[in-house]
C-alpha atoms as a PDB file:
ATOM      1  CA  UNK A   1      97.880 139.683 221.440  1.00  0.00           C
ATOM      2  CA  UNK A   2      95.313 141.176 223.448  1.00  0.00           C
ATOM      3  CA  UNK A   3      93.353 141.134 220.508  1.00  0.00           C
ATOM      4  CA  UNK A   4      94.074 137.471 219.624  1.00  0.00           C
ATOM      5  CA  UNK A   5      93.600 136.048 223.212  1.00  0.00           C
ATOM      6  CA  UNK A   6      89.923 137.932 223.404  1.00  0.00           C
ATOM      7  CA  UNK A   7      89.526 135.757 219.641  1.00  0.00           C
ATOM      8  CA  UNK A   8      90.691 133.113 221.278  1.00  0.00           C
ATOM      9  CA  UNK A   9      88.311 133.128 224.362  1.00  0.00           C
ATOM     10  CA  UNK A  10      85.046 134.550 221.927  1.00  0.00           C
ATOM     11  CA  UNK A  11      85.802 131.016 219.307  1.00  0.00           C
ATOM     12  CA  UNK A  12      85.962 128.842 222.675  1.00  0.00           C
ATOM     13  CA  UNK A  13      82.226 129.675 224.153  1.00  0.00           C
ATOM     14  CA  UNK A  14      80.985 129.857 220.521  1.00  0.00           C
ATOM     15  CA  UNK A  15      82.335 126.193 220.461  1.00  0.00           C
ATOM     16  CA  UNK A  16      80.835 125.280 223.996  1.00  0.00           C
ATOM     17  CA  UNK A  17      77.721 126.501 223.110  1.00  0.00           C
ATOM     18  CA  UNK A  18      77.541 124.551 220.219  1.00  0.00           C
ATOM     19  CA  UNK A  19      78.490 121.240 222.356  1.00  0.00           C
ATOM     20  CA  UNK A  20      75.739 122.108 225.127  1.00  0.00           C
ATOM     21  CA  UNK A  21      73.652 122.553 222.464  1.00  0.00           C
ATOM     22  CA  UNK A  22      74.353 119.178 220.594  1.00  0.00           C
ATOM     23  CA  UNK A  23      74.482 117.657 223.922  1.00  0.00           C
ATOM     24  CA  UNK A  24      70.915 119.024 225.003  1.00  0.00           C
ATOM     25  CA  UNK A  25      69.290 118.160 221.386  1.00  0.00           C
ATOM     26  CA  UNK A  26      70.707 114.182 222.499  1.00  0.00           C
ATOM     27  CA  UNK A  27      68.797 114.572 225.674  1.00  0.00           C
ATOM     28  CA  UNK A  28      66.037 115.728 223.904  1.00  0.00           C
ATOM     29  CA  UNK A  29      66.097 113.315 221.066  1.00  0.00           C
ATOM     30  CA  UNK A  30      66.533 110.148 223.468  1.00  0.00           C
ATOM     31  CA  UNK A  31      63.491 111.418 225.695  1.00  0.00           C
ATOM     32  CA  UNK A  32      61.074 111.546 223.066  1.00  0.00           C
ATOM     33  CA  UNK A  33      62.267 107.989 222.097  1.00  0.00           C
ATOM     34  CA  UNK A  34      61.915 106.721 225.340  1.00  0.00           C
ATOM     35  CA  UNK A  35      58.644 108.490 225.890  1.00  0.00           C
ATOM     36  CA  UNK A  36      56.952 107.295 222.072  1.00  0.00           C
ATOM     37  CA  UNK A  37      58.419 103.928 222.594  1.00  0.00           C
ATOM     38  CA  UNK A  38      56.800 103.464 226.135  1.00  0.00           C
ATOM     39  CA  UNK A  39      53.262 104.525 225.018  1.00  0.00           C
ATOM     40  CA  UNK A  40      53.362 103.611 221.372  1.00  0.00           C
ATOM     41  CA  UNK A  41      54.777  99.820 222.108  1.00  0.00           C
ATOM     42  CA  UNK A  42      52.824  97.290 223.205  1.00  0.00           C
ATOM     43  CA  UNK A  43      54.769  94.387 222.699  1.00  0.00           C
ATOM     44  CA  UNK A  44      58.243  94.545 221.035  1.00  0.00           C
ATOM     45  CA  UNK A  45      58.918  92.386 218.232  1.00  0.00           C
ATOM     46  CA  UNK A  46      60.974  92.088 214.849  1.00  0.00           C
ATOM     47  CA  UNK A  47      58.597  94.876 213.554  1.00  0.00           C
ATOM     48  CA  UNK A  48      56.161  97.403 214.071  1.00  0.00           C
ATOM     49  CA  UNK A  49      52.647  96.944 213.331  1.00  0.00           C
ATOM     50  CA  UNK A  50      50.516  99.916 211.541  1.00  0.00           C
ATOM     51  CA  UNK A  51      49.161 101.269 214.387  1.00  0.00           C
ATOM     52  CA  UNK A  52      52.164 101.324 215.911  1.00  0.00           C
ATOM     53  CA  UNK A  53      53.638 103.372 213.699  1.00  0.00           C
ATOM     54  CA  UNK A  54      51.466 105.590 213.709  1.00  0.00           C
ATOM     55  CA  UNK A  55      51.055 106.324 216.725  1.00  0.00           C
ATOM     56  CA  UNK A  56      55.517 107.275 216.872  1.00  0.00           C
ATOM     57  CA  UNK A  57      55.348 109.894 214.082  1.00  0.00           C
ATOM     58  CA  UNK A  58      52.301 111.388 215.889  1.00  0.00           C
ATOM     59  CA  UNK A  59      54.055 111.082 219.206  1.00  0.00           C
ATOM     60  CA  UNK A  60      56.834 111.899 217.610  1.00  0.00           C
ATOM     61  CA  UNK A  61      55.225 114.807 215.992  1.00  0.00           C
ATOM     62  CA  UNK A  62      53.502 116.445 218.764  1.00  0.00           C
ATOM     63  CA  UNK A  63      56.882 115.946 220.836  1.00  0.00           C
ATOM     64  CA  UNK A  64      58.429 118.002 217.955  1.00  0.00           C
ATOM     65  CA  UNK A  65      55.504 120.400 217.908  1.00  0.00           C
ATOM     66  CA  UNK A  66      55.413 121.498 221.636  1.00  0.00           C
ATOM     67  CA  UNK A  67      59.446 122.073 221.590  1.00  0.00           C
ATOM     68  CA  UNK A  68      59.119 124.798 219.037  1.00  0.00           C
ATOM     69  CA  UNK A  69      56.195 126.135 221.388  1.00  0.00           C
ATOM     70  CA  UNK A  70      58.588 126.714 223.686  1.00  0.00           C
ATOM     71  CA  UNK A  71      61.445 127.535 221.900  1.00  0.00           C
ATOM     72  CA  UNK A  72      59.575 130.239 220.071  1.00  0.00           C
ATOM     73  CA  UNK A  73      58.048 131.816 223.616  1.00  0.00           C
ATOM     74  CA  UNK A  74      61.460 130.980 225.478  1.00  0.00           C
ATOM     75  CA  UNK A  75      63.107 133.273 222.533  1.00  0.00           C
ATOM     76  CA  UNK A  76      60.913 135.630 222.294  1.00  0.00           C
ATOM     77  CA  UNK A  77      61.103 136.124 226.571  1.00  0.00           C
ATOM     78  CA  UNK A  78      64.953 136.929 226.180  1.00  0.00           C
ATOM     79  CA  UNK A  79      64.637 139.316 223.438  1.00  0.00           C
ATOM     80  CA  UNK A  80      62.603 140.978 225.398  1.00  0.00           C
ATOM     81  CA  UNK A  81      64.646 141.030 228.644  1.00  0.00           C
ATOM     82  CA  UNK A  82      66.950 141.788 226.984  1.00  0.00           C
ATOM     83  CA  UNK A  83      65.164 145.611 225.510  1.00  0.00           C
END
């Protein structure tokens, strides 16, 4: 019985972590969308100009590159602190 309860707690924690990670990813995508749209789109219309498309791609690439650096740095820090 005790082993089942422990397994249920572990599974619940894993599910909660996944839900939090998904919520964080959705929030990040929303921020990228808003920030890059504000930066790159001057006059919204039915289609994007080539310059707007390029700007959006570069903006999103920079944001993702920055996120990767921050995530790696944070992960390394957590590993160091656990030692």
